[in-house]
C-alpha cells in the first residue's frame, strides 16, 4: 500500500479498536487523528519492497521411491512441481534500535536484542504488518497452496506457513494459519 487513502481505508476496515490494542490511542484522539498516527507509524518504517524471482522444485507428498513417484505421475498426480517463485522483501527498520554513528562506524551504543523497547516495537510492527498488509494481500494470491514468510528481526527469525484454503465453487481464496497474527486487493494500492 503506497497511498495514504488506501491505508486510511484499510485501517478503518481492520477497525480502530483492533489497532488500538497494538498502537494505543492518545487521550482525546479523534478517529482521523488516530488514523493519521497509525499512518505515520507505517510511514516511518515501511518505505517499499523488492521482488526477485527464483526457480524451485517442490514435492507434493512425502518422500517416495522412484517407482512410487512414477505411479503417481502415471495417474496424473504430480509428485514434483517445478515453479518460479516470487521472493518479496520488506526492510522495516526498528526505530528503537536506531543508532546514529557520525563519522565513526561501529557497534557503540547499540541496544541488545533482548531490550524491552526493541521487543515491544517488533511486536507492534509484526501486528500492524500482518493486519494491514498480509491479511489484505494473501486473498488475492491465486494458484498457490502454501505461502512461506520468513521474518528476520533483532529478536531472531521466524518462519510462517500460510495455508491457502480454496472455497468450493470458485469463491475467493482465504488465508488461514496457526500464527500469532496475520491483509486486500493487491491492485488497490
C-alpha atoms as a PDB file:
ATOM      1  CA  UNK A   1       0.000   0.000   0.000  1.00  0.00           C
ATOM      2  CA  UNK A   2       1.648   3.093  -1.217  1.00  0.00           C
ATOM      3  CA  UNK A   3      -1.047   5.685  -0.811  1.00  0.00           C
ATOM      4  CA  UNK A   4      -2.468   7.463   2.223  1.00  0.00           C
ATOM      5  CA  UNK A   5      -6.107   6.979   1.169  1.00  0.00           C
ATOM      6  CA  UNK A   6      -5.570   3.223   0.666  1.00  0.00           C
ATOM      7  CA  UNK A   7      -4.005   2.944   4.123  1.00  0.00           C
ATOM      8  CA  UNK A   8      -6.775   5.039   5.663  1.00  0.00           C
ATOM      9  CA  UNK A   9      -9.406   2.725   4.168  1.00  0.00           C
ATOM     10  CA  UNK A  10      -7.560  -0.441   5.226  1.00  0.00           C
ATOM     11  CA  UNK A  11      -7.034   0.835   8.792  1.00  0.00           C
ATOM     12  CA  UNK A  12     -10.764   1.523   9.104  1.00  0.00           C
ATOM     13  CA  UNK A  13     -11.593  -1.921   7.624  1.00  0.00           C
ATOM     14  CA  UNK A  14      -9.425  -3.613  10.256  1.00  0.00           C
ATOM     15  CA  UNK A  15     -11.049  -1.447  12.908  1.00  0.00           C
ATOM     16  CA  UNK A  16      -9.690   1.281  15.133  1.00  0.00           C
ATOM     17  CA  UNK A  17     -10.376  -0.636  18.377  1.00  0.00           C
ATOM     18  CA  UNK A  18      -8.441  -3.610  16.957  1.00  0.00           C
ATOM     19  CA  UNK A  19      -5.419  -1.473  16.028  1.00  0.00           C
ATOM     20  CA  UNK A  20      -5.591   0.437  19.324  1.00  0.00           C
ATOM     21  CA  UNK A  21      -4.578  -2.823  21.020  1.00  0.00           C
ATOM     22  CA  UNK A  22      -1.267  -2.572  19.130  1.00  0.00           C
ATOM     23  CA  UNK A  23      -0.788   1.183  18.745  1.00  0.00           C
ATOM     24  CA  UNK A  24      -2.573   2.766  21.700  1.00  0.00           C
ATOM     25  CA  UNK A  25      -4.742   5.804  21.104  1.00  0.00           C
ATOM     26  CA  UNK A  26      -3.760   9.014  22.848  1.00  0.00           C
ATOM     27  CA  UNK A  27      -6.295  10.654  25.128  1.00  0.00           C
ATOM     28  CA  UNK A  28      -8.547  12.929  23.088  1.00  0.00           C
ATOM     29  CA  UNK A  29      -7.538  11.467  19.681  1.00  0.00           C
ATOM     30  CA  UNK A  30     -10.311  11.823  17.122  1.00  0.00           C
ATOM     31  CA  UNK A  31     -10.650   8.898  14.718  1.00  0.00           C
ATOM     32  CA  UNK A  32      -8.931  10.914  11.980  1.00  0.00           C
ATOM     33  CA  UNK A  33      -6.055  11.914  14.284  1.00  0.00           C
ATOM     34  CA  UNK A  34      -5.562   8.299  15.364  1.00  0.00           C
ATOM     35  CA  UNK A  35      -5.609   7.026  11.770  1.00  0.00           C
ATOM     36  CA  UNK A  36      -3.020   9.708  10.956  1.00  0.00           C
ATOM     37  CA  UNK A  37      -0.769   8.471  13.762  1.00  0.00           C
ATOM     38  CA  UNK A  38      -1.042   4.864  12.532  1.00  0.00           C
ATOM     39  CA  UNK A  39      -0.146   6.025   9.012  1.00  0.00           C
ATOM     40  CA  UNK A  40       2.834   7.956  10.465  1.00  0.00           C
ATOM     41  CA  UNK A  41       3.933   4.770  12.286  1.00  0.00           C
ATOM     42  CA  UNK A  42       3.881   2.931   8.941  1.00  0.00           C
ATOM     43  CA  UNK A  43       5.473   5.838   7.047  1.00  0.00           C
ATOM     44  CA  UNK A  44       8.443   5.842   9.441  1.00  0.00           C
ATOM     45  CA  UNK A  45       9.043   2.108   8.930  1.00  0.00           C
ATOM     46  CA  UNK A  46       7.829   0.778   5.581  1.00  0.00           C
ATOM     47  CA  UNK A  47       9.274   2.565   2.578  1.00  0.00           C
ATOM     48  CA  UNK A  48       8.969  -0.136  -0.042  1.00  0.00           C
ATOM     49  CA  UNK A  49       9.843  -3.659  -1.032  1.00  0.00           C
ATOM     50  CA  UNK A  50      11.899  -5.610  -3.547  1.00  0.00           C
ATOM     51  CA  UNK A  51      10.829  -8.627  -5.571  1.00  0.00           C
ATOM     52  CA  UNK A  52      13.069 -11.273  -7.093  1.00  0.00           C
ATOM     53  CA  UNK A  53      12.113 -14.447  -8.897  1.00  0.00           C
ATOM     54  CA  UNK A  54      13.721 -17.801  -8.206  1.00  0.00           C
ATOM     55  CA  UNK A  55      13.177 -21.239  -9.700  1.00  0.00           C
ATOM     56  CA  UNK A  56      12.288 -24.027  -7.331  1.00  0.00           C
ATOM     57  CA  UNK A  57      11.202 -27.641  -7.179  1.00  0.00           C
ATOM     58  CA  UNK A  58       8.782 -28.825  -4.543  1.00  0.00           C
ATOM     59  CA  UNK A  59       7.409 -32.223  -3.530  1.00  0.00           C
ATOM     60  CA  UNK A  60       3.658 -32.602  -3.251  1.00  0.00           C
ATOM     61  CA  UNK A  61       3.782 -35.664  -0.987  1.00  0.00           C
ATOM     62  CA  UNK A  62       6.041 -37.429   1.492  1.00  0.00           C
ATOM     63  CA  UNK A  63       9.309 -38.738   0.015  1.00  0.00           C
ATOM     64  CA  UNK A  64       8.586 -41.677  -2.293  1.00  0.00           C
ATOM     65  CA  UNK A  65      10.719 -44.250  -4.087  1.00  0.00           C
ATOM     66  CA  UNK A  66      11.142 -43.601  -7.838  1.00  0.00           C
ATOM     67  CA  UNK A  67       8.721 -46.391  -8.743  1.00  0.00           C
ATOM     68  CA  UNK A  68       6.030 -44.974  -6.409  1.00  0.00           C
ATOM     69  CA  UNK A  69       6.586 -41.465  -7.774  1.00  0.00           C
ATOM     70  CA  UNK A  70       6.275 -42.777 -11.349  1.00  0.00           C
ATOM     71  CA  UNK A  71       2.969 -44.446 -10.429  1.00  0.00           C
ATOM     72  CA  UNK A  72       1.642 -41.102  -9.159  1.00  0.00           C
ATOM     73  CA  UNK A  73       2.740 -39.339 -12.346  1.00  0.00           C
ATOM     74  CA  UNK A  74       1.101 -42.079 -14.460  1.00  0.00           C
ATOM     75  CA  UNK A  75      -2.187 -41.301 -12.647  1.00  0.00           C
ATOM     76  CA  UNK A  76      -1.742 -37.564 -13.387  1.00  0.00           C
ATOM     77  CA  UNK A  77      -0.948 -36.931  -9.717  1.00  0.00           C
ATOM     78  CA  UNK A  78       2.177 -34.775  -9.626  1.00  0.00           C
ATOM     79  CA  UNK A  79       4.982 -35.695  -7.247  1.00  0.00           C
ATOM     80  CA  UNK A  80       7.449 -32.903  -8.086  1.00  0.00           C
ATOM     81  CA  UNK A  81       6.428 -29.436  -9.211  1.00  0.00           C
ATOM     82  CA  UNK A  82       8.821 -27.010 -10.873  1.00  0.00           C
ATOM     83  CA  UNK A  83       7.828 -23.394 -10.452  1.00  0.00           C
ATOM     84  CA  UNK A  84       9.049 -19.855 -10.415  1.00  0.00           C
ATOM     85  CA  UNK A  85       8.618 -18.295  -7.010  1.00  0.00           C
ATOM     86  CA  UNK A  86       8.469 -14.609  -6.160  1.00  0.00           C
ATOM     87  CA  UNK A  87      10.541 -13.594  -3.168  1.00  0.00           C
ATOM     88  CA  UNK A  88       9.347 -10.297  -1.680  1.00  0.00           C
ATOM     89  CA  UNK A  89      11.494  -8.457   0.851  1.00  0.00           C
ATOM     90  CA  UNK A  90      10.323  -5.638   3.071  1.00  0.00           C
ATOM     91  CA  UNK A  91      13.047  -3.838   5.000  1.00  0.00           C
ATOM     92  CA  UNK A  92      11.346  -2.454   8.104  1.00  0.00           C
ATOM     93  CA  UNK A  93      13.641  -0.560  10.459  1.00  0.00           C
ATOM     94  CA  UNK A  94      13.159  -0.897  14.177  1.00  0.00           C
ATOM     95  CA  UNK A  95      13.429   2.725  15.343  1.00  0.00           C
ATOM     96  CA  UNK A  96      14.015   1.782  18.985  1.00  0.00           C
ATOM     97  CA  UNK A  97      17.342   0.194  17.979  1.00  0.00           C
ATOM     98  CA  UNK A  98      18.457   3.017  15.669  1.00  0.00           C
ATOM     99  CA  UNK A  99      21.994   4.255  16.269  1.00  0.00           C
ATOM    100  CA  UNK A 100      23.378   7.467  14.743  1.00  0.00           C
ATOM    101  CA  UNK A 101      27.054   6.822  14.042  1.00  0.00           C
ATOM    102  CA  UNK A 102      28.510  10.135  12.947  1.00  0.00           C
ATOM    103  CA  UNK A 103      31.991   9.848  11.402  1.00  0.00           C
ATOM    104  CA  UNK A 104      32.908   6.601  13.194  1.00  0.00           C
ATOM    105  CA  UNK A 105      31.005   3.466  12.336  1.00  0.00           C
ATOM    106  CA  UNK A 106      30.898   0.743  14.956  1.00  0.00           C
ATOM    107  CA  UNK A 107      28.710  -1.096  17.419  1.00  0.00           C
ATOM    108  CA  UNK A 108      28.827   1.642  20.074  1.00  0.00           C
ATOM    109  CA  UNK A 109      25.518   2.490  21.685  1.00  0.00           C
ATOM    110  CA  UNK A 110      23.584  -0.413  20.237  1.00  0.00           C
ATOM    111  CA  UNK A 111      20.852  -1.928  22.361  1.00  0.00           C
ATOM    112  CA  UNK A 112      20.791  -5.680  22.797  1.00  0.00           C
ATOM    113  CA  UNK A 113      18.091  -7.716  21.038  1.00  0.00           C
ATOM    114  CA  UNK A 114      16.664  -8.504  24.474  1.00  0.00           C
ATOM    115  CA  UNK A 115      15.942  -4.838  25.220  1.00  0.00           C
ATOM    116  CA  UNK A 116      12.237  -4.493  26.125  1.00  0.00           C
ATOM    117  CA  UNK A 117      11.811  -1.437  23.846  1.00  0.00           C
ATOM    118  CA  UNK A 118      13.020  -3.431  20.846  1.00  0.00           C
ATOM    119  CA  UNK A 119      10.795  -6.397  21.703  1.00  0.00           C
ATOM    120  CA  UNK A 120       7.743  -4.159  22.087  1.00  0.00           C
ATOM    121  CA  UNK A 121       8.408  -2.377  18.781  1.00  0.00           C
ATOM    122  CA  UNK A 122       8.974  -5.664  16.919  1.00  0.00           C
ATOM    123  CA  UNK A 123       5.625  -6.870  18.242  1.00  0.00           C
ATOM    124  CA  UNK A 124       3.920  -3.625  17.106  1.00  0.00           C
ATOM    125  CA  UNK A 125       5.486  -3.834  13.642  1.00  0.00           C
ATOM    126  CA  UNK A 126       4.557  -7.512  13.303  1.00  0.00           C
ATOM    127  CA  UNK A 127       0.916  -6.940  14.256  1.00  0.00           C
ATOM    128  CA  UNK A 128       0.492  -3.872  12.036  1.00  0.00           C
ATOM    129  CA  UNK A 129       2.215  -5.600   9.100  1.00  0.00           C
ATOM    130  CA  UNK A 130       0.017  -8.680   9.360  1.00  0.00           C
ATOM    131  CA  UNK A 131      -3.227  -6.777   9.988  1.00  0.00           C
ATOM    132  CA  UNK A 132      -2.791  -4.191   7.254  1.00  0.00           C
ATOM    133  CA  UNK A 133      -0.673  -5.889   4.606  1.00  0.00           C
ATOM    134  CA  UNK A 134      -0.615  -9.680   4.843  1.00  0.00           C
ATOM    135  CA  UNK A 135      -4.333 -10.057   5.516  1.00  0.00           C
ATOM    136  CA  UNK A 136      -5.064  -7.783   2.517  1.00  0.00           C
ATOM    137  CA  UNK A 137      -2.620  -9.407   0.112  1.00  0.00           C
ATOM    138  CA  UNK A 138      -2.995 -13.135   0.745  1.00  0.00           C
ATOM    139  CA  UNK A 139      -6.604 -13.442  -0.516  1.00  0.00           C
ATOM    140  CA  UNK A 140      -5.513 -12.045  -3.892  1.00  0.00           C
ATOM    141  CA  UNK A 141      -2.895 -14.766  -4.449  1.00  0.00           C
ATOM    142  CA  UNK A 142      -4.058 -17.392  -6.923  1.00  0.00           C
ATOM    143  CA  UNK A 143      -2.618 -20.768  -7.868  1.00  0.00           C
ATOM    144  CA  UNK A 144      -0.717 -21.433  -4.650  1.00  0.00           C
ATOM    145  CA  UNK A 145      -1.456 -23.829  -1.819  1.00  0.00           C
ATOM    146  CA  UNK A 146       1.093 -22.516   0.660  1.00  0.00           C
ATOM    147  CA  UNK A 147       2.926 -19.253   1.264  1.00  0.00           C
ATOM    148  CA  UNK A 148       6.058 -19.155   3.359  1.00  0.00           C
ATOM    149  CA  UNK A 149       7.073 -15.987   5.134  1.00  0.00           C
ATOM    150  CA  UNK A 150      10.409 -15.572   6.879  1.00  0.00           C
ATOM    151  CA  UNK A 151      10.769 -12.767   9.389  1.00  0.00           C
ATOM    152  CA  UNK A 152      14.218 -11.650  10.469  1.00  0.00           C
ATOM    153  CA  UNK A 153      14.097  -9.309  13.457  1.00  0.00           C
ATOM    154  CA  UNK A 154      16.538  -8.203  16.160  1.00  0.00           C
ATOM    155  CA  UNK A 155      14.832 -10.799  18.351  1.00  0.00           C
ATOM    156  CA  UNK A 156      15.523 -13.692  15.932  1.00  0.00           C
ATOM    157  CA  UNK A 157      13.997 -15.412  12.907  1.00  0.00           C
ATOM    158  CA  UNK A 158      10.511 -16.869  12.457  1.00  0.00           C
ATOM    159  CA  UNK A 159       9.006 -18.973   9.704  1.00  0.00           C
ATOM    160  CA  UNK A 160       5.309 -18.601   8.974  1.00  0.00           C
ATOM    161  CA  UNK A 161       3.421 -21.045   6.773  1.00  0.00           C
ATOM    162  CA  UNK A 162       0.163 -19.662   5.421  1.00  0.00           C
ATOM    163  CA  UNK A 163      -2.014 -22.441   4.010  1.00  0.00           C
ATOM    164  CA  UNK A 164      -4.420 -21.160   1.393  1.00  0.00           C
ATOM    165  CA  UNK A 165      -7.870 -22.655   1.720  1.00  0.00           C
ATOM    166  CA  UNK A 166      -9.780 -22.930  -1.529  1.00  0.00           C
ATOM    167  CA  UNK A 167     -13.514 -22.419  -1.033  1.00  0.00           C
ATOM    168  CA  UNK A 168     -15.821 -24.532  -3.194  1.00  0.00           C
ATOM    169  CA  UNK A 169     -17.319 -23.251  -6.455  1.00  0.00           C
ATOM    170  CA  UNK A 170     -14.586 -20.750  -7.356  1.00  0.00           C
ATOM    171  CA  UNK A 171     -15.017 -18.333  -4.440  1.00  0.00           C
ATOM    172  CA  UNK A 172     -12.265 -16.082  -3.161  1.00  0.00           C
ATOM    173  CA  UNK A 173      -9.099 -17.562  -1.693  1.00  0.00           C
ATOM    174  CA  UNK A 174      -8.747 -17.183   2.061  1.00  0.00           C
ATOM    175  CA  UNK A 175      -5.628 -17.480   4.181  1.00  0.00           C
ATOM    176  CA  UNK A 176      -5.532 -19.435   7.380  1.00  0.00           C
ATOM    177  CA  UNK A 177      -2.663 -20.027   9.749  1.00  0.00           C
ATOM    178  CA  UNK A 178      -1.691 -21.041  13.217  1.00  0.00           C
ATOM    179  CA  UNK A 179       0.426 -17.905  13.631  1.00  0.00           C
ATOM    180  CA  UNK A 180       0.099 -15.367  16.406  1.00  0.00           C
ATOM    181  CA  UNK A 181      -1.008 -12.684  13.966  1.00  0.00           C
ATOM    182  CA  UNK A 182      -1.778 -12.279  10.275  1.00  0.00           C
ATOM    183  CA  UNK A 183      -4.470  -8.491   4.642  1.00  0.00           C
ATOM    184  CA  UNK A 184      -6.694  -6.598   0.488  1.00  0.00           C
ATOM    185  CA  UNK A 185      -6.702  -6.382  -3.165  1.00  0.00           C
ATOM    186  CA  UNK A 186      -3.155  -6.068  -4.484  1.00  0.00           C
ATOM    187  CA  UNK A 187      -4.271  -3.756  -7.269  1.00  0.00           C
ATOM    188  CA  UNK A 188      -5.843  -1.216  -4.916  1.00  0.00           C
ATOM    189  CA  UNK A 189      -2.682   0.366  -3.600  1.00  0.00           C
END
